[in-house]
């Protein structure tokens, strides 16, 4: 009887933990960081924009810079980065993949762009 009770409790705990994880989304290591956090990390000189040198120093492919620099001023502003993230998220949703679990690894091109 005691084993059955322990097994039932373990099952309930497992189900409850699974439900909690499902509501929270992916674990913290798998969540996509906020564009603001990524931008702060890439904007190494703190001028409020990411230039091509900062972009490549962050390990991003040089040819992707022009895709994100929407106004073609030679700098990526936070709004441009947010717009690019949203565009990528929308593309993934349309493809049925859902939102990406995290950003591409440093140096890897964004998926779908």
Protein backbone atom coordinates (compact mmCIF):
# COMPACT_ATOMS: atom_id res chain seq x y z
CA UNK A 1 0.00 0.00 0.00
CA UNK A 2 2.82 2.37 0.86
CA UNK A 3 4.53 1.75 -2.48
CA UNK A 4 1.30 2.43 -4.33
CA UNK A 5 0.87 5.72 -2.48
CA UNK A 6 4.47 6.75 -3.22
CA UNK A 7 4.05 5.82 -6.87
CA UNK A 8 0.83 7.85 -7.08
CA UNK A 9 2.50 10.85 -5.45
CA UNK A 10 5.48 10.61 -7.80
CA UNK A 11 3.14 10.44 -10.78
CA UNK A 12 1.21 13.49 -9.59
CA UNK A 13 4.43 15.43 -9.03
CA UNK A 14 5.66 14.53 -12.51
CA UNK A 15 2.38 15.57 -14.14
CA UNK A 16 2.28 18.84 -12.16
CA UNK A 17 5.87 19.65 -13.10
CA UNK A 18 5.17 18.93 -16.76
CA UNK A 19 2.10 21.15 -16.71
CA UNK A 20 4.04 23.97 -15.08
CA UNK A 21 6.79 23.72 -17.69
CA UNK A 22 4.27 23.69 -20.51
CA UNK A 23 2.70 26.91 -19.23
CA UNK A 24 6.03 28.65 -18.76
CA UNK A 25 7.39 27.85 -22.20
CA UNK A 26 10.95 26.76 -22.90
CA UNK A 27 13.46 26.68 -20.05
CA UNK A 28 15.50 29.86 -19.50
CA UNK A 29 18.50 28.56 -21.43
CA UNK A 30 16.29 27.91 -24.45
CA UNK A 31 14.39 31.23 -24.47
CA UNK A 32 15.25 33.87 -26.98
CA UNK A 33 16.90 36.79 -25.20
CA UNK A 34 15.18 40.13 -25.48
CA UNK A 35 16.38 42.25 -28.39
CA UNK A 36 17.36 44.93 -25.86
CA UNK A 37 19.73 42.52 -24.12
CA UNK A 38 21.31 41.41 -27.38
CA UNK A 39 21.61 45.01 -28.54
CA UNK A 40 23.37 46.06 -25.32
CA UNK A 41 25.84 43.22 -25.73
CA UNK A 42 26.59 44.12 -29.36
CA UNK A 43 26.74 47.91 -28.86
CA UNK A 44 30.19 47.78 -27.32
CA UNK A 45 30.92 51.51 -27.60
CA UNK A 46 27.55 52.43 -26.04
CA UNK A 47 26.55 54.95 -28.69
CA UNK A 48 23.05 53.52 -29.09
CA UNK A 49 23.72 51.89 -32.45
CA UNK A 50 25.55 48.82 -33.74
CA UNK A 51 27.88 49.63 -36.59
CA UNK A 52 29.32 47.08 -38.99
CA UNK A 53 32.54 46.68 -36.94
CA UNK A 54 30.54 45.91 -33.78
CA UNK A 55 28.28 43.59 -35.78
CA UNK A 56 31.16 41.49 -37.10
CA UNK A 57 32.99 41.62 -33.73
CA UNK A 58 29.88 40.00 -32.22
CA UNK A 59 30.37 37.13 -34.67
CA UNK A 60 27.56 38.10 -37.00
CA UNK A 61 28.02 37.53 -40.75
CA UNK A 62 28.89 40.76 -42.53
CA UNK A 63 26.39 40.16 -45.33
CA UNK A 64 23.50 40.04 -42.82
CA UNK A 65 24.20 43.57 -41.62
CA UNK A 66 22.60 45.16 -44.69
CA UNK A 67 19.47 43.06 -44.19
CA UNK A 68 18.97 44.43 -40.66
CA UNK A 69 20.04 48.03 -41.42
CA UNK A 70 16.64 48.95 -42.82
CA UNK A 71 17.32 52.66 -43.35
CA UNK A 72 20.79 51.97 -44.82
CA UNK A 73 22.57 54.50 -42.58
CA UNK A 74 25.42 52.13 -41.76
CA UNK A 75 24.15 51.46 -38.24
CA UNK A 76 21.60 49.12 -36.73
CA UNK A 77 19.32 50.83 -34.25
CA UNK A 78 17.40 48.93 -31.58
CA UNK A 79 14.15 49.46 -33.50
CA UNK A 80 15.69 47.89 -36.61
CA UNK A 81 16.86 44.88 -34.61
CA UNK A 82 13.42 44.48 -33.02
CA UNK A 83 11.76 44.69 -36.44
CA UNK A 84 14.12 42.03 -37.81
CA UNK A 85 13.35 39.75 -34.84
CA UNK A 86 9.63 40.23 -35.35
CA UNK A 87 9.95 39.51 -39.07
CA UNK A 88 11.85 36.31 -38.27
CA UNK A 89 9.25 35.30 -35.67
CA UNK A 90 6.41 35.92 -38.12
CA UNK A 91 8.14 33.89 -40.82
CA UNK A 92 8.64 30.98 -38.43
CA UNK A 93 5.01 31.13 -37.31
CA UNK A 94 3.83 31.04 -40.93
CA UNK A 95 6.04 28.04 -41.58
CA UNK A 96 4.42 26.26 -38.64
CA UNK A 97 7.66 26.09 -36.69
CA UNK A 98 6.48 28.40 -33.91
CA UNK A 99 8.77 30.89 -32.31
CA UNK A 100 12.44 29.92 -32.24
CA UNK A 101 13.67 28.62 -28.89
CA UNK A 102 16.60 31.03 -28.93
CA UNK A 103 18.70 33.19 -31.14
CA UNK A 104 21.10 31.61 -33.59
CA UNK A 105 24.52 30.91 -32.12
CA UNK A 106 26.99 33.76 -32.39
CA UNK A 107 28.29 33.80 -35.94
CA UNK A 108 25.46 31.74 -37.39
CA UNK A 109 23.05 33.49 -39.77
CA UNK A 110 19.50 34.00 -38.48
CA UNK A 111 17.29 31.20 -39.68
CA UNK A 112 14.86 32.09 -42.41
CA UNK A 113 16.67 35.28 -43.44
